[in-house]
PDB file of all heavy atoms in Angstrom:
ATOM      1  N   GLY A   1      -0.250   7.761  -1.707  1.00  0.00           N
ATOM      2  CA  GLY A   1       0.898   8.146  -2.543  1.00  0.00           C
ATOM      3  C   GLY A   1       1.753   9.222  -1.885  1.00  0.00           C
ATOM      4  O   GLY A   1       1.504   9.661  -0.769  1.00  0.00           O
ATOM      5  N   SER A   2       2.782   9.664  -2.626  1.00  0.00           N
ATOM      6  CA  SER A   2       3.711  10.679  -2.111  1.00  0.00           C
ATOM      7  C   SER A   2       3.632  11.929  -2.991  1.00  0.00           C
ATOM      8  O   SER A   2       3.095  11.856  -4.106  1.00  0.00           O
ATOM      9  CB  SER A   2       5.142  10.117  -2.103  1.00  0.00           C
ATOM     10  OG  SER A   2       5.529   9.791  -3.424  1.00  0.00           O
ATOM     11  N   PRO A   3       4.134  13.082  -2.495  1.00  0.00           N
ATOM     12  CA  PRO A   3       4.730  13.296  -1.177  1.00  0.00           C
ATOM     13  C   PRO A   3       3.680  13.242  -0.068  1.00  0.00           C
ATOM     14  O   PRO A   3       2.500  13.512  -0.300  1.00  0.00           O
ATOM     15  CB  PRO A   3       5.337  14.703  -1.297  1.00  0.00           C
ATOM     16  CG  PRO A   3       4.526  15.390  -2.340  1.00  0.00           C
ATOM     17  CD  PRO A   3       4.117  14.325  -3.313  1.00  0.00           C
ATOM     18  N   ILE A   4       4.157  12.894   1.129  1.00  0.00           N
ATOM     19  CA  ILE A   4       3.265  12.749   2.268  1.00  0.00           C
ATOM     20  C   ILE A   4       4.091  12.959   3.543  1.00  0.00           C
ATOM     21  O   ILE A   4       5.328  12.830   3.512  1.00  0.00           O
ATOM     22  CB  ILE A   4       2.579  11.358   2.238  1.00  0.00           C
ATOM     23  CG1 ILE A   4       1.323  11.333   3.113  1.00  0.00           C
ATOM     24  CG2 ILE A   4       3.563  10.237   2.593  1.00  0.00           C
ATOM     25  CD1 ILE A   4       0.356  10.207   2.763  1.00  0.00           C
ATOM     26  N   VAL A   5       3.436  13.275   4.650  1.00  0.00           N
ATOM     27  CA  VAL A   5       4.151  13.609   5.887  1.00  0.00           C
ATOM     28  C   VAL A   5       3.837  12.574   6.966  1.00  0.00           C
ATOM     29  O   VAL A   5       2.667  12.233   7.186  1.00  0.00           O
ATOM     30  CB  VAL A   5       3.768  15.020   6.383  1.00  0.00           C
ATOM     31  CG1 VAL A   5       4.525  15.370   7.669  1.00  0.00           C
ATOM     32  CG2 VAL A   5       4.059  16.057   5.304  1.00  0.00           C
ATOM     33  N   VAL A   6       4.876  12.067   7.629  1.00  0.00           N
ATOM     34  CA  VAL A   6       4.726  11.080   8.700  1.00  0.00           C
ATOM     35  C   VAL A   6       5.262  11.698   9.990  1.00  0.00           C
ATOM     36  O   VAL A   6       6.397  12.174  10.034  1.00  0.00           O
ATOM     37  CB  VAL A   6       5.484   9.779   8.386  1.00  0.00           C
ATOM     38  CG1 VAL A   6       5.240   8.741   9.478  1.00  0.00           C
ATOM     39  CG2 VAL A   6       5.081   9.230   7.021  1.00  0.00           C
ATOM     40  N   LYS A   7       4.427  11.695  11.050  1.00  0.00           N
ATOM     41  CA  LYS A   7       4.811  12.318  12.322  1.00  0.00           C
ATOM     42  C   LYS A   7       4.687  11.317  13.455  1.00  0.00           C
ATOM     43  O   LYS A   7       3.683  10.612  13.552  1.00  0.00           O
ATOM     44  CB  LYS A   7       3.908  13.516  12.629  1.00  0.00           C
ATOM     45  CG  LYS A   7       4.017  14.659  11.635  1.00  0.00           C
ATOM     46  CD  LYS A   7       3.091  15.807  12.031  1.00  0.00           C
ATOM     47  CE  LYS A   7       3.264  16.999  11.105  1.00  0.00           C
ATOM     48  NZ  LYS A   7       2.368  18.123  11.498  1.00  0.00           N
ATOM     49  N   ALA A   8       5.694  11.296  14.318  1.00  0.00           N
ATOM     50  CA  ALA A   8       5.612  10.500  15.543  1.00  0.00           C
ATOM     51  C   ALA A   8       4.689  11.209  16.516  1.00  0.00           C
ATOM     52  O   ALA A   8       4.756  12.428  16.676  1.00  0.00           O
ATOM     53  CB  ALA A   8       6.998  10.338  16.158  1.00  0.00           C
ATOM     54  N   ASP A   9       3.800  10.452  17.172  1.00  0.00           N
ATOM     55  CA  ASP A   9       2.869  11.043  18.124  1.00  0.00           C
ATOM     56  C   ASP A   9       3.526  11.132  19.501  1.00  0.00           C
ATOM     57  O   ASP A   9       3.407  10.237  20.322  1.00  0.00           O
ATOM     58  CB  ASP A   9       1.584  10.215  18.223  1.00  0.00           C
ATOM     59  CG  ASP A   9       0.613  10.815  19.233  1.00  0.00           C
ATOM     60  OD1 ASP A   9       0.495  12.045  19.260  1.00  0.00           O
ATOM     61  OD2 ASP A   9      -0.001  10.049  20.001  1.00  0.00           O
ATOM     62  N   GLY A  10       4.238  12.216  19.719  1.00  0.00           N
ATOM     63  CA  GLY A  10       4.927  12.393  20.992  1.00  0.00           C
ATOM     64  C   GLY A  10       6.013  13.429  20.831  1.00  0.00           C
ATOM     65  O   GLY A  10       6.227  13.969  19.750  1.00  0.00           O
ATOM     66  N   LEU A  11       6.717  13.717  21.928  1.00  0.00           N
ATOM     67  CA  LEU A  11       7.777  14.708  21.876  1.00  0.00           C
ATOM     68  C   LEU A  11       8.995  14.128  21.170  1.00  0.00           C
ATOM     69  O   LEU A  11       9.428  13.023  21.469  1.00  0.00           O
ATOM     70  CB  LEU A  11       8.165  15.140  23.292  1.00  0.00           C
ATOM     71  CG  LEU A  11       7.053  15.839  24.094  1.00  0.00           C
ATOM     72  CD1 LEU A  11       7.561  16.187  25.476  1.00  0.00           C
ATOM     73  CD2 LEU A  11       6.556  17.067  23.368  1.00  0.00           C
ATOM     74  N   ALA A  12       9.530  14.908  20.227  1.00  0.00           N
ATOM     75  CA  ALA A  12      10.682  14.412  19.473  1.00  0.00           C
ATOM     76  C   ALA A  12      11.706  15.504  19.226  1.00  0.00           C
ATOM     77  O   ALA A  12      12.478  15.447  18.275  1.00  0.00           O
ATOM     78  CB  ALA A  12      10.212  13.823  18.150  1.00  0.00           C
ATOM     79  N   ALA A  13      11.694  16.547  20.088  1.00  0.00           N
ATOM     80  CA  ALA A  13      12.674  17.646  20.015  1.00  0.00           C
ATOM     81  C   ALA A  13      12.739  18.254  18.625  1.00  0.00           C
ATOM     82  O   ALA A  13      13.809  18.602  18.131  1.00  0.00           O
ATOM     83  CB  ALA A  13      14.055  17.148  20.452  1.00  0.00           C
ATOM     84  N   GLY A  14      11.588  18.374  17.972  1.00  0.00           N
ATOM     85  CA  GLY A  14      11.542  18.996  16.649  1.00  0.00           C
ATOM     86  C   GLY A  14      12.000  18.104  15.518  1.00  0.00           C
ATOM     87  O   GLY A  14      12.113  18.539  14.379  1.00  0.00           O
ATOM     88  N   LYS A  15      12.279  16.819  15.818  1.00  0.00           N
ATOM     89  CA  LYS A  15      12.816  15.938  14.775  1.00  0.00           C
ATOM     90  C   LYS A  15      11.930  14.718  14.507  1.00  0.00           C
ATOM     91  O   LYS A  15      12.366  13.780  13.859  1.00  0.00           O
ATOM     92  CB  LYS A  15      14.240  15.502  15.150  1.00  0.00           C
ATOM     93  CG  LYS A  15      15.230  16.663  15.209  1.00  0.00           C
ATOM     94  CD  LYS A  15      16.649  16.191  15.407  1.00  0.00           C
ATOM     95  CE  LYS A  15      16.937  15.797  16.835  1.00  0.00           C
ATOM     96  NZ  LYS A  15      16.985  16.929  17.757  1.00  0.00           N
ATOM     97  N   GLY A  16      10.691  14.726  15.003  1.00  0.00           N
ATOM     98  CA  GLY A  16       9.821  13.569  14.819  1.00  0.00           C
ATOM     99  C   GLY A  16       8.932  13.673  13.605  1.00  0.00           C
ATOM    100  O   GLY A  16       7.844  13.098  13.571  1.00  0.00           O
ATOM    101  N   VAL A  17       9.394  14.410  12.600  1.00  0.00           N
ATOM    102  CA  VAL A  17       8.602  14.617  11.384  1.00  0.00           C
ATOM    103  C   VAL A  17       9.439  14.222  10.171  1.00  0.00           C
ATOM    104  O   VAL A  17      10.578  14.659  10.029  1.00  0.00           O
ATOM    105  CB  VAL A  17       8.165  16.097  11.250  1.00  0.00           C
ATOM    106  CG1 VAL A  17       7.409  16.315   9.952  1.00  0.00           C
ATOM    107  CG2 VAL A  17       7.316  16.512  12.441  1.00  0.00           C
ATOM    108  N   VAL A  18       8.854  13.401   9.302  1.00  0.00           N
ATOM    109  CA  VAL A  18       9.502  13.058   8.037  1.00  0.00           C
ATOM    110  C   VAL A  18       8.615  13.535   6.902  1.00  0.00           C
ATOM    111  O   VAL A  18       7.470  13.102   6.774  1.00  0.00           O
ATOM    112  CB  VAL A  18       9.750  11.537   7.916  1.00  0.00           C
ATOM    113  CG1 VAL A  18      10.278  11.193   6.528  1.00  0.00           C
ATOM    114  CG2 VAL A  18      10.731  11.072   8.986  1.00  0.00           C
ATOM    115  N   VAL A  19       9.145  14.471   6.116  1.00  0.00           N
ATOM    116  CA  VAL A  19       8.445  14.919   4.905  1.00  0.00           C
ATOM    117  C   VAL A  19       8.947  14.008   3.786  1.00  0.00           C
ATOM    118  O   VAL A  19      10.030  14.200   3.243  1.00  0.00           O
ATOM    119  CB  VAL A  19       8.744  16.402   4.604  1.00  0.00           C
ATOM    120  CG1 VAL A  19       7.997  16.840   3.350  1.00  0.00           C
ATOM    121  CG2 VAL A  19       8.361  17.275   5.789  1.00  0.00           C
ATOM    122  N   ALA A  20       8.168  12.976   3.499  1.00  0.00           N
ATOM    123  CA  ALA A  20       8.601  11.920   2.575  1.00  0.00           C
ATOM    124  C   ALA A  20       8.251  12.296   1.134  1.00  0.00           C
ATOM    125  O   ALA A  20       7.078  12.424   0.792  1.00  0.00           O
ATOM    126  CB  ALA A  20       7.947  10.603   2.956  1.00  0.00           C
ATOM    127  N   MET A  21       9.266  12.467   0.318  1.00  0.00           N
ATOM    128  CA  MET A  21       9.028  12.798  -1.091  1.00  0.00           C
ATOM    129  C   MET A  21       8.804  11.540  -1.932  1.00  0.00           C
ATOM    130  O   MET A  21       8.332  11.620  -3.061  1.00  0.00           O
ATOM    131  CB  MET A  21      10.206  13.606  -1.659  1.00  0.00           C
ATOM    132  CG  MET A  21      10.492  14.893  -0.892  1.00  0.00           C
ATOM    133  SD  MET A  21       9.015  15.912  -0.558  1.00  0.00           S
ATOM    134  CE  MET A  21       8.619  16.503  -2.201  1.00  0.00           C
ATOM    135  N   THR A  22       9.136  10.376  -1.366  1.00  0.00           N
ATOM    136  CA  THR A  22       8.871   9.105  -2.045  1.00  0.00           C
ATOM    137  C   THR A  22       8.133   8.176  -1.088  1.00  0.00           C
ATOM    138  O   THR A  22       8.227   8.326   0.139  1.00  0.00           O
ATOM    139  CB  THR A  22      10.186   8.422  -2.479  1.00  0.00           C
ATOM    140  OG1 THR A  22      10.923   8.038  -1.298  1.00  0.00           O
ATOM    141  CG2 THR A  22      11.045   9.346  -3.330  1.00  0.00           C
ATOM    142  N   LEU A  23       7.429   7.189  -1.652  1.00  0.00           N
ATOM    143  CA  LEU A  23       6.729   6.214  -0.814  1.00  0.00           C
ATOM    144  C   LEU A  23       7.709   5.382   0.006  1.00  0.00           C
ATOM    145  O   LEU A  23       7.411   5.010   1.145  1.00  0.00           O
ATOM    146  CB  LEU A  23       5.862   5.298  -1.677  1.00  0.00           C
ATOM    147  CG  LEU A  23       4.443   5.805  -1.948  1.00  0.00           C
ATOM    148  CD1 LEU A  23       3.696   4.823  -2.850  1.00  0.00           C
ATOM    149  CD2 LEU A  23       3.668   5.984  -0.645  1.00  0.00           C
ATOM    150  N   GLU A  24       8.874   5.089  -0.573  1.00  0.00           N
ATOM    151  CA  GLU A  24       9.877   4.303   0.147  1.00  0.00           C
ATOM    152  C   GLU A  24      10.270   5.011   1.448  1.00  0.00           C
ATOM    153  O   GLU A  24      10.345   4.395   2.516  1.00  0.00           O
ATOM    154  CB  GLU A  24      11.117   4.097  -0.730  1.00  0.00           C
ATOM    155  CG  GLU A  24      12.176   3.196  -0.071  1.00  0.00           C
ATOM    156  CD  GLU A  24      13.439   3.083  -0.902  1.00  0.00           C
ATOM    157  OE1 GLU A  24      13.558   3.786  -1.919  1.00  0.00           O
ATOM    158  OE2 GLU A  24      14.312   2.292  -0.514  1.00  0.00           O
ATOM    159  N   GLU A  25      10.512   6.334   1.364  1.00  0.00           N
ATOM    160  CA  GLU A  25      10.834   7.124   2.560  1.00  0.00           C
ATOM    161  C   GLU A  25       9.707   7.045   3.589  1.00  0.00           C
ATOM    162  O   GLU A  25       9.949   6.918   4.791  1.00  0.00           O
ATOM    163  CB  GLU A  25      11.028   8.591   2.174  1.00  0.00           C
ATOM    164  CG  GLU A  25      12.382   8.995   1.676  1.00  0.00           C
ATOM    165  CD  GLU A  25      12.406  10.502   1.422  1.00  0.00           C
ATOM    166  OE1 GLU A  25      11.936  10.946   0.356  1.00  0.00           O
ATOM    167  OE2 GLU A  25      12.868  11.241   2.316  1.00  0.00           O
ATOM    168  N   ALA A  26       8.481   7.156   3.116  1.00  0.00           N
ATOM    169  CA  ALA A  26       7.319   7.147   4.007  1.00  0.00           C
ATOM    170  C   ALA A  26       7.183   5.805   4.715  1.00  0.00           C
ATOM    171  O   ALA A  26       6.942   5.751   5.930  1.00  0.00           O
ATOM    172  CB  ALA A  26       6.055   7.464   3.217  1.00  0.00           C
ATOM    173  N   HIS A  27       7.341   4.712   3.967  1.00  0.00           N
ATOM    174  CA  HIS A  27       7.249   3.372   4.568  1.00  0.00           C
ATOM    175  C   HIS A  27       8.349   3.170   5.619  1.00  0.00           C
ATOM    176  O   HIS A  27       8.112   2.600   6.683  1.00  0.00           O
ATOM    177  CB  HIS A  27       7.336   2.295   3.483  1.00  0.00           C
ATOM    178  CG  HIS A  27       6.095   2.163   2.653  1.00  0.00           C
ATOM    179  ND1 HIS A  27       4.864   1.891   3.209  1.00  0.00           N
ATOM    180  CD2 HIS A  27       5.897   2.255   1.311  1.00  0.00           C
ATOM    181  CE1 HIS A  27       3.952   1.831   2.243  1.00  0.00           C
ATOM    182  NE2 HIS A  27       4.552   2.051   1.090  1.00  0.00           N
ATOM    183  N   GLN A  28       9.563   3.660   5.310  1.00  0.00           N
ATOM    184  CA  GLN A  28      10.675   3.538   6.266  1.00  0.00           C
ATOM    185  C   GLN A  28      10.377   4.318   7.545  1.00  0.00           C
ATOM    186  O   GLN A  28      10.662   3.854   8.653  1.00  0.00           O
ATOM    187  CB  GLN A  28      11.971   4.056   5.634  1.00  0.00           C
ATOM    188  CG  GLN A  28      12.568   3.120   4.594  1.00  0.00           C
ATOM    189  CD  GLN A  28      13.787   3.724   3.908  1.00  0.00           C
ATOM    190  OE1 GLN A  28      14.105   4.898   4.092  1.00  0.00           O
ATOM    191  NE2 GLN A  28      14.475   2.920   3.101  1.00  0.00           N
ATOM    192  N   ALA A  29       9.786   5.517   7.389  1.00  0.00           N
ATOM    193  CA  ALA A  29       9.457   6.349   8.546  1.00  0.00           C
ATOM    194  C   ALA A  29       8.430   5.658   9.444  1.00  0.00           C
ATOM    195  O   ALA A  29       8.553   5.668  10.678  1.00  0.00           O
ATOM    196  CB  ALA A  29       8.932   7.704   8.086  1.00  0.00           C
ATOM    197  N   VAL A  30       7.421   5.042   8.827  1.00  0.00           N
ATOM    198  CA  VAL A  30       6.401   4.324   9.603  1.00  0.00           C
ATOM    199  C   VAL A  30       7.039   3.173  10.375  1.00  0.00           C
ATOM    200  O   VAL A  30       6.785   2.984  11.570  1.00  0.00           O
ATOM    201  CB  VAL A  30       5.274   3.814   8.683  1.00  0.00           C
ATOM    202  CG1 VAL A  30       4.434   2.743   9.389  1.00  0.00           C
ATOM    203  CG2 VAL A  30       4.383   4.975   8.253  1.00  0.00           C
ATOM    204  N   ASP A  31       7.883   2.394   9.700  1.00  0.00           N
ATOM    205  CA  ASP A  31       8.543   1.270  10.376  1.00  0.00           C
ATOM    206  C   ASP A  31       9.401   1.739  11.540  1.00  0.00           C
ATOM    207  O   ASP A  31       9.423   1.125  12.617  1.00  0.00           O
ATOM    208  CB  ASP A  31       9.416   0.495   9.374  1.00  0.00           C
ATOM    209  CG  ASP A  31       8.577  -0.389   8.455  1.00  0.00           C
ATOM    210  OD1 ASP A  31       7.439  -0.735   8.840  1.00  0.00           O
ATOM    211  OD2 ASP A  31       9.047  -0.713   7.346  1.00  0.00           O
ATOM    212  N   PHE A  32      10.093   2.852  11.332  1.00  0.00           N
ATOM    213  CA  PHE A  32      10.969   3.383  12.383  1.00  0.00           C
ATOM    214  C   PHE A  32      10.146   3.880  13.569  1.00  0.00           C
ATOM    215  O   PHE A  32      10.441   3.584  14.728  1.00  0.00           O
ATOM    216  CB  PHE A  32      11.830   4.521  11.827  1.00  0.00           C
ATOM    217  CG  PHE A  32      12.699   5.190  12.855  1.00  0.00           C
ATOM    218  CD1 PHE A  32      13.847   4.566  13.323  1.00  0.00           C
ATOM    219  CD2 PHE A  32      12.367   6.442  13.370  1.00  0.00           C
ATOM    220  CE1 PHE A  32      14.642   5.169  14.285  1.00  0.00           C
ATOM    221  CE2 PHE A  32      13.153   7.049  14.331  1.00  0.00           C
ATOM    222  CZ  PHE A  32      14.299   6.420  14.784  1.00  0.00           C
ATOM    223  N   MET A  33       9.098   4.644  13.285  1.00  0.00           N
ATOM    224  CA  MET A  33       8.309   5.259  14.360  1.00  0.00           C
ATOM    225  C   MET A  33       7.430   4.267  15.112  1.00  0.00           C
ATOM    226  O   MET A  33       7.133   4.448  16.292  1.00  0.00           O
ATOM    227  CB  MET A  33       7.455   6.397  13.810  1.00  0.00           C
ATOM    228  CG  MET A  33       8.276   7.593  13.346  1.00  0.00           C
ATOM    229  SD  MET A  33       7.240   8.878  12.600  1.00  0.00           S
ATOM    230  CE  MET A  33       8.491   9.976  11.932  1.00  0.00           C
ATOM    231  N   LEU A  34       7.007   3.201  14.433  1.00  0.00           N
ATOM    232  CA  LEU A  34       6.187   2.191  15.098  1.00  0.00           C
ATOM    233  C   LEU A  34       7.010   0.982  15.532  1.00  0.00           C
ATOM    234  O   LEU A  34       6.470  -0.019  15.988  1.00  0.00           O
ATOM    235  CB  LEU A  34       5.048   1.740  14.175  1.00  0.00           C
ATOM    236  CG  LEU A  34       3.963   2.785  13.895  1.00  0.00           C
ATOM    237  CD1 LEU A  34       2.894   2.203  12.966  1.00  0.00           C
ATOM    238  CD2 LEU A  34       3.308   3.272  15.178  1.00  0.00           C
ATOM    239  N   GLY A  35       8.328   1.101  15.424  1.00  0.00           N
ATOM    240  CA  GLY A  35       9.213  -0.042  15.710  1.00  0.00           C
ATOM    241  C   GLY A  35       9.271  -0.436  17.161  1.00  0.00           C
ATOM    242  O   GLY A  35       9.687  -1.550  17.494  1.00  0.00           O
ATOM    243  N   GLY A  36       8.830   0.455  18.075  1.00  0.00           N
ATOM    244  CA  GLY A  36       8.926   0.133  19.496  1.00  0.00           C
ATOM    245  C   GLY A  36       7.636  -0.412  20.072  1.00  0.00           C
ATOM    246  O   GLY A  36       7.352  -0.215  21.248  1.00  0.00           O
ATOM    247  N   LEU A  37       6.824  -1.076  19.253  1.00  0.00           N
ATOM    248  CA  LEU A  37       5.556  -1.623  19.765  1.00  0.00           C
ATOM    249  C   LEU A  37       5.799  -2.551  20.950  1.00  0.00           C
ATOM    250  O   LEU A  37       6.778  -3.290  20.979  1.00  0.00           O
ATOM    251  CB  LEU A  37       4.843  -2.394  18.650  1.00  0.00           C
ATOM    252  CG  LEU A  37       4.187  -1.527  17.568  1.00  0.00           C
ATOM    253  CD1 LEU A  37       3.709  -2.383  16.416  1.00  0.00           C
ATOM    254  CD2 LEU A  37       3.014  -0.759  18.139  1.00  0.00           C
ATOM    255  N   GLN A  38       4.892  -2.487  21.923  1.00  0.00           N
ATOM    256  CA  GLN A  38       5.124  -3.254  23.139  1.00  0.00           C
ATOM    257  C   GLN A  38       5.109  -4.764  22.883  1.00  0.00           C
ATOM    258  O   GLN A  38       4.400  -5.265  22.011  1.00  0.00           O
ATOM    259  CB  GLN A  38       4.110  -2.875  24.214  1.00  0.00           C
ATOM    260  CG  GLN A  38       2.677  -3.251  23.925  1.00  0.00           C
ATOM    261  CD  GLN A  38       1.773  -2.692  25.016  1.00  0.00           C
ATOM    262  OE1 GLN A  38       1.502  -1.518  25.048  1.00  0.00           O
ATOM    263  NE2 GLN A  38       1.331  -3.538  25.906  1.00  0.00           N
ATOM    264  N   GLN A  39       5.940  -5.453  23.601  1.00  0.00           N
ATOM    265  CA  GLN A  39       6.080  -6.889  23.452  1.00  0.00           C
ATOM    266  C   GLN A  39       4.985  -7.616  24.238  1.00  0.00           C
ATOM    267  O   GLN A  39       4.439  -7.075  25.194  1.00  0.00           O
ATOM    268  CB  GLN A  39       7.461  -7.328  23.970  1.00  0.00           C
ATOM    269  CG  GLN A  39       8.628  -6.639  23.266  1.00  0.00           C
ATOM    270  CD  GLN A  39       8.632  -6.887  21.784  1.00  0.00           C
ATOM    271  OE1 GLN A  39       8.511  -8.024  21.339  1.00  0.00           O
ATOM    272  NE2 GLN A  39       8.745  -5.822  20.994  1.00  0.00           N
ATOM    273  N   PRO A  40       4.663  -8.853  23.860  1.00  0.00           N
ATOM    274  CA  PRO A  40       3.654  -9.610  24.612  1.00  0.00           C
ATOM    275  C   PRO A  40       4.041  -9.700  26.088  1.00  0.00           C
ATOM    276  O   PRO A  40       5.193  -9.961  26.424  1.00  0.00           O
ATOM    277  CB  PRO A  40       3.705 -10.999  23.948  1.00  0.00           C
ATOM    278  CG  PRO A  40       4.233 -10.738  22.572  1.00  0.00           C
ATOM    279  CD  PRO A  40       5.172  -9.592  22.706  1.00  0.00           C
ATOM    280  N   GLY A  41       3.067  -9.461  26.949  1.00  0.00           N
ATOM    281  CA  GLY A  41       3.320  -9.558  28.382  1.00  0.00           C
ATOM    282  C   GLY A  41       3.802  -8.274  29.023  1.00  0.00           C
ATOM    283  O   GLY A  41       3.822  -8.150  30.234  1.00  0.00           O
ATOM    284  N   GLN A  42       4.217  -7.252  28.167  1.00  0.00           N
ATOM    285  CA  GLN A  42       4.668  -5.978  28.722  1.00  0.00           C
ATOM    286  C   GLN A  42       3.473  -5.166  29.201  1.00  0.00           C
ATOM    287  O   GLN A  42       2.418  -5.189  28.577  1.00  0.00           O
ATOM    288  CB  GLN A  42       5.415  -5.171  27.668  1.00  0.00           C
ATOM    289  CG  GLN A  42       6.933  -5.215  27.822  1.00  0.00           C
ATOM    290  CD  GLN A  42       7.577  -4.254  26.849  1.00  0.00           C
ATOM    291  OE1 GLN A  42       7.175  -4.165  25.713  1.00  0.00           O
ATOM    292  NE2 GLN A  42       8.576  -3.541  27.308  1.00  0.00           N
ATOM    293  N   THR A  43       3.650  -4.463  30.277  1.00  0.00           N
ATOM    294  CA  THR A  43       2.575  -3.573  30.749  1.00  0.00           C
ATOM    295  C   THR A  43       3.144  -2.186  30.992  1.00  0.00           C
ATOM    296  O   THR A  43       4.345  -2.017  31.187  1.00  0.00           O
ATOM    297  CB  THR A  43       1.960  -4.094  32.072  1.00  0.00           C
ATOM    298  OG1 THR A  43       3.008  -4.210  33.038  1.00  0.00           O
ATOM    299  CG2 THR A  43       1.277  -5.426  31.863  1.00  0.00           C
ATOM    300  N   GLY A  44       2.262  -1.200  30.969  1.00  0.00           N
ATOM    301  CA  GLY A  44       2.680   0.169  31.272  1.00  0.00           C
ATOM    302  C   GLY A  44       3.491   0.831  30.183  1.00  0.00           C
ATOM    303  O   GLY A  44       4.103   1.862  30.392  1.00  0.00           O
TER     304      GLY A  44
END
């Protein structure tokens, strides 16, 4: 449930943190932060 905090695991110049007061905000933050998952066949 909310409120809850979502953080990107990496350097984000002080902006990789979302303090989500609603679940909708939290779900959006997860989608945004995990949106760059590697594609099939990508390495490194």
